[in-house]
Amino acid sequence: MITIFHDSNCILCRRYKQALELIVHDQIVWIDIHSDDCVAPDGLSKSDLLQEIHIISAENVLLKGSDAVQYLMSAIPAAKRFSWLIESDSAKKAIDVFHSTSDKLRRRLINSCPSCKNKTSSL
């Protein structure tokens, strides 16, 4: 099982969750960072988890940011036949750009939404 810490107050995060659930609904455990039941992995705070994506891999390794995105792309069965594409340096750069762009959009959405500002810590 893969554990993904997600921000339920972020529309972009909710959309990613919906998309992944359509593909792999039985292989991911979702933990809402805002839930009282959420326990951050050792050495991290909930505030750290809000900064960028964090996952615990099936091998019990904590990954974050573009490393987490890359892992998810290679671990999703529907994408396995394309996993060789993310092995190249250019693909890794593309994943980094995708993650960076998504993160900027997420931060912009949170900063421009009065409701989101009140529910999440400042990023």
N, C-alpha and C. Protein backbone atom coordinates (compact mmCIF):
# COMPACT_ATOMS: atom_id res chain seq x y z
N MET A 1 0.83 -1.18 0.00
CA MET A 1 0.00 0.00 0.00
C MET A 1 0.88 1.25 0.00
N ILE A 2 0.37 2.26 -0.66
CA ILE A 2 1.03 3.56 -0.71
C ILE A 2 0.20 4.50 0.15
N THR A 3 0.84 5.27 1.00
CA THR A 3 0.15 6.26 1.81
C THR A 3 0.45 7.64 1.25
N ILE A 4 -0.60 8.41 1.00
CA ILE A 4 -0.44 9.78 0.50
C ILE A 4 -1.06 10.73 1.51
N PHE A 5 -0.27 11.70 1.94
CA PHE A 5 -0.77 12.78 2.78
C PHE A 5 -1.32 13.84 1.84
N HIS A 6 -2.58 14.23 2.03
CA HIS A 6 -3.17 15.20 1.11
C HIS A 6 -3.86 16.33 1.86
N ASP A 7 -3.97 17.46 1.18
CA ASP A 7 -4.59 18.66 1.72
C ASP A 7 -6.03 18.71 1.21
N SER A 8 -6.97 18.33 2.06
CA SER A 8 -8.37 18.29 1.64
C SER A 8 -8.96 19.68 1.41
N ASN A 9 -8.27 20.72 1.84
CA ASN A 9 -8.75 22.09 1.62
C ASN A 9 -8.31 22.64 0.27
N CYS A 10 -7.46 21.93 -0.42
CA CYS A 10 -6.91 22.38 -1.70
C CYS A 10 -7.67 21.71 -2.84
N ILE A 11 -8.29 22.50 -3.70
CA ILE A 11 -9.07 21.96 -4.82
C ILE A 11 -8.17 21.15 -5.75
N LEU A 12 -6.97 21.59 -5.98
CA LEU A 12 -6.05 20.86 -6.86
C LEU A 12 -5.71 19.49 -6.26
N CYS A 13 -5.46 19.46 -4.96
CA CYS A 13 -5.17 18.18 -4.29
C CYS A 13 -6.37 17.25 -4.35
N ARG A 14 -7.56 17.81 -4.17
CA ARG A 14 -8.77 16.98 -4.23
C ARG A 14 -8.95 16.40 -5.64
N ARG A 15 -8.64 17.19 -6.66
CA ARG A 15 -8.76 16.70 -8.04
C ARG A 15 -7.75 15.59 -8.33
N TYR A 16 -6.51 15.75 -7.85
CA TYR A 16 -5.50 14.70 -8.03
C TYR A 16 -5.96 13.43 -7.34
N LYS A 17 -6.53 13.58 -6.15
CA LYS A 17 -7.02 12.42 -5.40
C LYS A 17 -8.12 11.72 -6.20
N GLN A 18 -9.06 12.48 -6.73
CA GLN A 18 -10.15 11.90 -7.52
C GLN A 18 -9.60 11.13 -8.72
N ALA A 19 -8.64 11.74 -9.40
CA ALA A 19 -8.06 11.10 -10.60
C ALA A 19 -7.35 9.80 -10.23
N LEU A 20 -6.55 9.82 -9.17
CA LEU A 20 -5.84 8.61 -8.77
C LEU A 20 -6.79 7.53 -8.27
N GLU A 21 -7.86 7.93 -7.59
CA GLU A 21 -8.82 6.94 -7.11
C GLU A 21 -9.52 6.22 -8.26
N LEU A 22 -9.69 6.91 -9.38
CA LEU A 22 -10.28 6.26 -10.55
C LEU A 22 -9.37 5.19 -11.12
N ILE A 23 -8.07 5.42 -11.02
CA ILE A 23 -7.10 4.49 -11.59
C ILE A 23 -6.73 3.38 -10.61
N VAL A 24 -6.43 3.76 -9.37
CA VAL A 24 -5.95 2.80 -8.36
C VAL A 24 -6.69 3.00 -7.04
N HIS A 25 -7.93 2.67 -7.01
CA HIS A 25 -8.74 2.91 -5.83
C HIS A 25 -8.42 2.00 -4.65
N ASP A 26 -7.72 0.91 -4.88
CA ASP A 26 -7.47 -0.05 -3.80
C ASP A 26 -6.00 -0.14 -3.37
N GLN A 27 -5.14 0.72 -3.88
CA GLN A 27 -3.72 0.63 -3.57
C GLN A 27 -3.18 1.83 -2.81
N ILE A 28 -4.05 2.79 -2.50
CA ILE A 28 -3.60 4.01 -1.85
C ILE A 28 -4.42 4.25 -0.58
N VAL A 29 -3.70 4.58 0.48
CA VAL A 29 -4.34 5.02 1.72
C VAL A 29 -4.16 6.54 1.75
N TRP A 30 -5.27 7.24 1.87
CA TRP A 30 -5.26 8.71 1.87
C TRP A 30 -5.35 9.20 3.31
N ILE A 31 -4.45 10.11 3.67
CA ILE A 31 -4.49 10.72 5.00
C ILE A 31 -4.64 12.22 4.82
N ASP A 32 -5.75 12.73 5.33
CA ASP A 32 -6.03 14.16 5.27
C ASP A 32 -5.16 14.86 6.32
N ILE A 33 -4.33 15.77 5.87
CA ILE A 33 -3.41 16.48 6.75
C ILE A 33 -4.18 17.26 7.83
N HIS A 34 -5.39 17.69 7.52
CA HIS A 34 -6.17 18.50 8.46
C HIS A 34 -6.95 17.66 9.48
N SER A 35 -6.93 16.36 9.30
CA SER A 35 -7.66 15.47 10.21
C SER A 35 -6.95 15.37 11.55
N ASP A 36 -7.75 15.26 12.61
CA ASP A 36 -7.16 15.07 13.94
C ASP A 36 -6.42 13.73 14.03
N ASP A 37 -6.80 12.79 13.16
CA ASP A 37 -6.17 11.47 13.15
C ASP A 37 -4.83 11.45 12.43
N CYS A 38 -4.50 12.52 11.73
CA CYS A 38 -3.25 12.58 10.95
C CYS A 38 -2.07 12.70 11.90
N VAL A 39 -1.16 11.75 11.77
CA VAL A 39 0.09 11.79 12.52
C VAL A 39 1.21 11.92 11.49
N ALA A 40 1.93 13.02 11.56
CA ALA A 40 3.02 13.25 10.61
C ALA A 40 4.14 12.26 10.87
N PRO A 41 4.80 11.81 9.80
CA PRO A 41 5.95 10.91 9.98
C PRO A 41 7.02 11.57 10.84
N ASP A 42 7.84 10.75 11.47
CA ASP A 42 8.89 11.25 12.36
C ASP A 42 9.69 12.38 11.72
N GLY A 43 9.90 13.43 12.49
CA GLY A 43 10.72 14.54 12.04
C GLY A 43 9.96 15.58 11.23
N LEU A 44 8.68 15.35 10.95
CA LEU A 44 7.89 16.30 10.17
C LEU A 44 6.71 16.83 10.99
N SER A 45 6.29 18.02 10.64
CA SER A 45 5.08 18.58 11.24
C SER A 45 3.99 18.60 10.19
N LYS A 46 2.76 18.86 10.60
CA LYS A 46 1.67 19.00 9.63
C LYS A 46 1.96 20.16 8.69
N SER A 47 2.61 21.18 9.22
CA SER A 47 2.99 22.33 8.39
C SER A 47 3.96 21.89 7.28
N ASP A 48 4.89 21.01 7.61
CA ASP A 48 5.82 20.47 6.60
C ASP A 48 5.05 19.72 5.52
N LEU A 49 4.05 18.94 5.94
CA LEU A 49 3.27 18.16 4.99
C LEU A 49 2.48 19.04 4.03
N LEU A 50 2.13 20.25 4.47
CA LEU A 50 1.38 21.18 3.61
C LEU A 50 2.26 21.84 2.56
N GLN A 51 3.56 21.78 2.74
CA GLN A 51 4.47 22.47 1.82
C GLN A 51 4.54 21.82 0.45
N GLU A 52 4.49 20.47 0.41
CA GLU A 52 4.54 19.74 -0.85
C GLU A 52 4.07 18.31 -0.60
N ILE A 53 3.85 17.57 -1.67
CA ILE A 53 3.34 16.21 -1.53
C ILE A 53 4.34 15.34 -0.77
N HIS A 54 3.79 14.53 0.13
CA HIS A 54 4.58 13.54 0.88
C HIS A 54 3.85 12.21 0.77
N ILE A 55 4.60 11.17 0.52
CA ILE A 55 4.02 9.82 0.47
C ILE A 55 4.92 8.87 1.25
N ILE A 56 4.33 7.78 1.65
CA ILE A 56 5.11 6.66 2.19
C ILE A 56 4.92 5.54 1.17
N SER A 57 6.01 5.13 0.56
CA SER A 57 5.96 4.13 -0.50
C SER A 57 5.54 2.77 0.03
N ALA A 58 5.25 1.87 -0.88
CA ALA A 58 4.91 0.49 -0.51
C ALA A 58 6.07 -0.17 0.22
N GLU A 59 7.28 0.33 -0.01
CA GLU A 59 8.47 -0.19 0.66
C GLU A 59 8.76 0.55 1.98
N ASN A 60 7.79 1.38 2.41
CA ASN A 60 7.87 2.13 3.66
C ASN A 60 8.96 3.20 3.66
N VAL A 61 9.17 3.84 2.52
CA VAL A 61 10.14 4.92 2.38
C VAL A 61 9.37 6.23 2.21
N LEU A 62 9.75 7.25 2.98
CA LEU A 62 9.12 8.56 2.87
C LEU A 62 9.71 9.31 1.69
N LEU A 63 8.84 9.76 0.78
CA LEU A 63 9.26 10.52 -0.39
C LEU A 63 8.46 11.82 -0.43
N LYS A 64 9.07 12.86 -1.00
CA LYS A 64 8.35 14.13 -1.10
C LYS A 64 8.64 14.80 -2.44
N GLY A 65 7.78 15.76 -2.78
CA GLY A 65 7.98 16.56 -3.98
C GLY A 65 8.00 15.73 -5.25
N SER A 66 8.89 16.09 -6.16
CA SER A 66 8.94 15.41 -7.45
C SER A 66 9.37 13.95 -7.32
N ASP A 67 10.12 13.60 -6.26
CA ASP A 67 10.47 12.19 -6.03
C ASP A 67 9.20 11.38 -5.76
N ALA A 68 8.27 11.97 -5.01
CA ALA A 68 7.00 11.30 -4.73
C ALA A 68 6.18 11.15 -6.00
N VAL A 69 6.13 12.19 -6.81
CA VAL A 69 5.38 12.14 -8.07
C VAL A 69 5.98 11.08 -8.98
N GLN A 70 7.28 11.05 -9.09
CA GLN A 70 7.96 10.06 -9.93
C GLN A 70 7.66 8.64 -9.45
N TYR A 71 7.70 8.44 -8.14
CA TYR A 71 7.39 7.12 -7.58
C TYR A 71 5.97 6.71 -7.93
N LEU A 72 5.01 7.63 -7.74
CA LEU A 72 3.61 7.33 -8.04
C LEU A 72 3.43 6.94 -9.50
N MET A 73 4.12 7.65 -10.38
CA MET A 73 4.00 7.35 -11.81
C MET A 73 4.53 5.96 -12.13
N SER A 74 5.57 5.54 -11.44
CA SER A 74 6.12 4.22 -11.73
C SER A 74 5.35 3.11 -11.00
N ALA A 75 4.66 3.44 -9.92
CA ALA A 75 3.96 2.44 -9.12
C ALA A 75 2.52 2.18 -9.57
N ILE A 76 1.96 3.10 -10.33
CA ILE A 76 0.57 2.93 -10.77
C ILE A 76 0.54 1.91 -11.90
N PRO A 77 -0.20 0.82 -11.71
CA PRO A 77 -0.22 -0.25 -12.72
C PRO A 77 -0.58 0.22 -14.13
N ALA A 78 -1.51 1.14 -14.24
CA ALA A 78 -1.92 1.62 -15.56
C ALA A 78 -0.79 2.36 -16.27
N ALA A 79 0.16 2.85 -15.51
CA ALA A 79 1.28 3.60 -16.09
C ALA A 79 2.56 2.80 -16.17
N LYS A 80 2.55 1.55 -15.66
CA LYS A 80 3.79 0.75 -15.64
C LYS A 80 4.41 0.58 -17.01
N ARG A 81 3.58 0.40 -18.03
CA ARG A 81 4.16 0.18 -19.37
C ARG A 81 4.90 1.42 -19.88
N PHE A 82 4.63 2.57 -19.25
CA PHE A 82 5.32 3.81 -19.64
C PHE A 82 6.40 4.21 -18.64
N SER A 83 6.59 3.38 -17.60
CA SER A 83 7.52 3.76 -16.54
C SER A 83 8.96 3.94 -17.06
N TRP A 84 9.31 3.26 -18.13
CA TRP A 84 10.65 3.42 -18.67
C TRP A 84 10.88 4.86 -19.14
N LEU A 85 9.81 5.57 -19.47
CA LEU A 85 9.94 6.95 -19.93
C LEU A 85 10.46 7.88 -18.84
N ILE A 86 10.13 7.58 -17.58
CA ILE A 86 10.55 8.48 -16.50
C ILE A 86 11.96 8.17 -16.02
N GLU A 87 12.61 7.20 -16.63
CA GLU A 87 13.99 6.89 -16.26
C GLU A 87 14.98 7.88 -16.86
N SER A 88 14.61 8.53 -17.96
CA SER A 88 15.54 9.44 -18.63
C SER A 88 15.64 10.77 -17.88
N ASP A 89 16.76 11.46 -18.08
CA ASP A 89 16.96 12.76 -17.43
C ASP A 89 15.92 13.78 -17.90
N SER A 90 15.57 13.75 -19.17
CA SER A 90 14.59 14.71 -19.67
C SER A 90 13.22 14.47 -19.06
N ALA A 91 12.86 13.22 -18.82
CA ALA A 91 11.58 12.92 -18.18
C ALA A 91 11.59 13.38 -16.73
N LYS A 92 12.70 13.18 -16.06
CA LYS A 92 12.80 13.62 -14.67
C LYS A 92 12.66 15.15 -14.60
N LYS A 93 13.26 15.84 -15.55
CA LYS A 93 13.12 17.30 -15.59
C LYS A 93 11.67 17.68 -15.86
N ALA A 94 10.99 16.95 -16.73
CA ALA A 94 9.58 17.22 -17.03
C ALA A 94 8.73 17.01 -15.78
N ILE A 95 9.02 15.97 -15.02
CA ILE A 95 8.28 15.71 -13.78
C ILE A 95 8.53 16.84 -12.79
N ASP A 96 9.78 17.28 -12.69
CA ASP A 96 10.10 18.39 -11.80
C ASP A 96 9.33 19.65 -12.20
N VAL A 97 9.26 19.93 -13.50
CA VAL A 97 8.52 21.10 -13.99
C VAL A 97 7.03 20.95 -13.69
N PHE A 98 6.48 19.74 -13.94
CA PHE A 98 5.07 19.49 -13.65
C PHE A 98 4.78 19.72 -12.17
N HIS A 99 5.62 19.14 -11.31
CA HIS A 99 5.41 19.28 -9.87
C HIS A 99 5.54 20.74 -9.46
N SER A 100 6.55 21.42 -9.94
CA SER A 100 6.78 22.82 -9.58
C SER A 100 5.61 23.70 -10.02
N THR A 101 5.14 23.48 -11.25
CA THR A 101 4.02 24.26 -11.77
C THR A 101 2.74 23.98 -10.98
N SER A 102 2.49 22.72 -10.69
CA SER A 102 1.31 22.35 -9.89
C SER A 102 1.39 22.97 -8.50
N ASP A 103 2.57 22.94 -7.91
CA ASP A 103 2.73 23.50 -6.57
C ASP A 103 2.50 25.01 -6.58
N LYS A 104 3.01 25.71 -7.60
CA LYS A 104 2.78 27.16 -7.70
C LYS A 104 1.30 27.46 -7.85
N LEU A 105 0.60 26.67 -8.66
CA LEU A 105 -0.84 26.85 -8.83
C LEU A 105 -1.57 26.61 -7.52
N ARG A 106 -1.19 25.56 -6.82
CA ARG A 106 -1.82 25.25 -5.53
C ARG A 106 -1.62 26.39 -4.55
N ARG A 107 -0.43 26.92 -4.46
CA ARG A 107 -0.15 28.03 -3.55
C ARG A 107 -0.93 29.29 -3.95
N ARG A 108 -1.02 29.54 -5.25
CA ARG A 108 -1.78 30.70 -5.74
C ARG A 108 -3.26 30.55 -5.38
N LEU A 109 -3.80 29.35 -5.56
CA LEU A 109 -5.20 29.12 -5.21
C LEU A 109 -5.44 29.34 -3.73
N ILE A 110 -4.56 28.81 -2.90
CA ILE A 110 -4.72 28.97 -1.45
C ILE A 110 -4.61 30.44 -1.06
N ASN A 111 -3.66 31.15 -1.64
CA ASN A 111 -3.46 32.56 -1.27
C ASN A 111 -4.58 33.47 -1.77
N SER A 112 -5.27 33.07 -2.83
CA SER A 112 -6.34 33.93 -3.37
C SER A 112 -7.72 33.57 -2.84
N CYS A 113 -7.82 32.48 -2.12
CA CYS A 113 -9.11 32.01 -1.61
C CYS A 113 -9.24 32.34 -0.13
N PRO A 114 -10.16 33.24 0.24
CA PRO A 114 -10.31 33.60 1.66
C PRO A 114 -10.62 32.40 2.54
N SER A 115 -11.42 31.48 2.04
CA SER A 115 -11.77 30.29 2.82
C SER A 115 -10.54 29.42 3.05
N CYS A 116 -9.72 29.25 2.00
CA CYS A 116 -8.52 28.42 2.12
C CYS A 116 -7.50 29.04 3.07
N LYS A 117 -7.36 30.36 3.04
CA LYS A 117 -6.40 31.03 3.91
C LYS A 117 -6.72 30.76 5.37
N ASN A 118 -7.99 30.69 5.67
CA ASN A 118 -8.40 30.48 7.06
C ASN A 118 -8.23 29.04 7.50
N LYS A 119 -8.19 28.11 6.57
CA LYS A 119 -8.15 26.68 6.92
C LYS A 119 -6.75 26.10 6.90
N THR A 120 -5.83 26.72 6.18
CA THR A 120 -4.48 26.15 6.08
C THR A 120 -3.47 27.14 6.61
N SER A 121 -2.32 26.61 6.96
CA SER A 121 -1.25 27.50 7.38
C SER A 121 -0.70 28.20 6.16
N SER A 122 -0.08 29.34 6.36
CA SER A 122 0.45 30.06 5.21
C SER A 122 1.61 29.28 4.61
N LEU A 123 1.66 29.31 3.30
CA LEU A 123 2.71 28.55 2.60
C LEU A 123 3.77 29.48 2.12
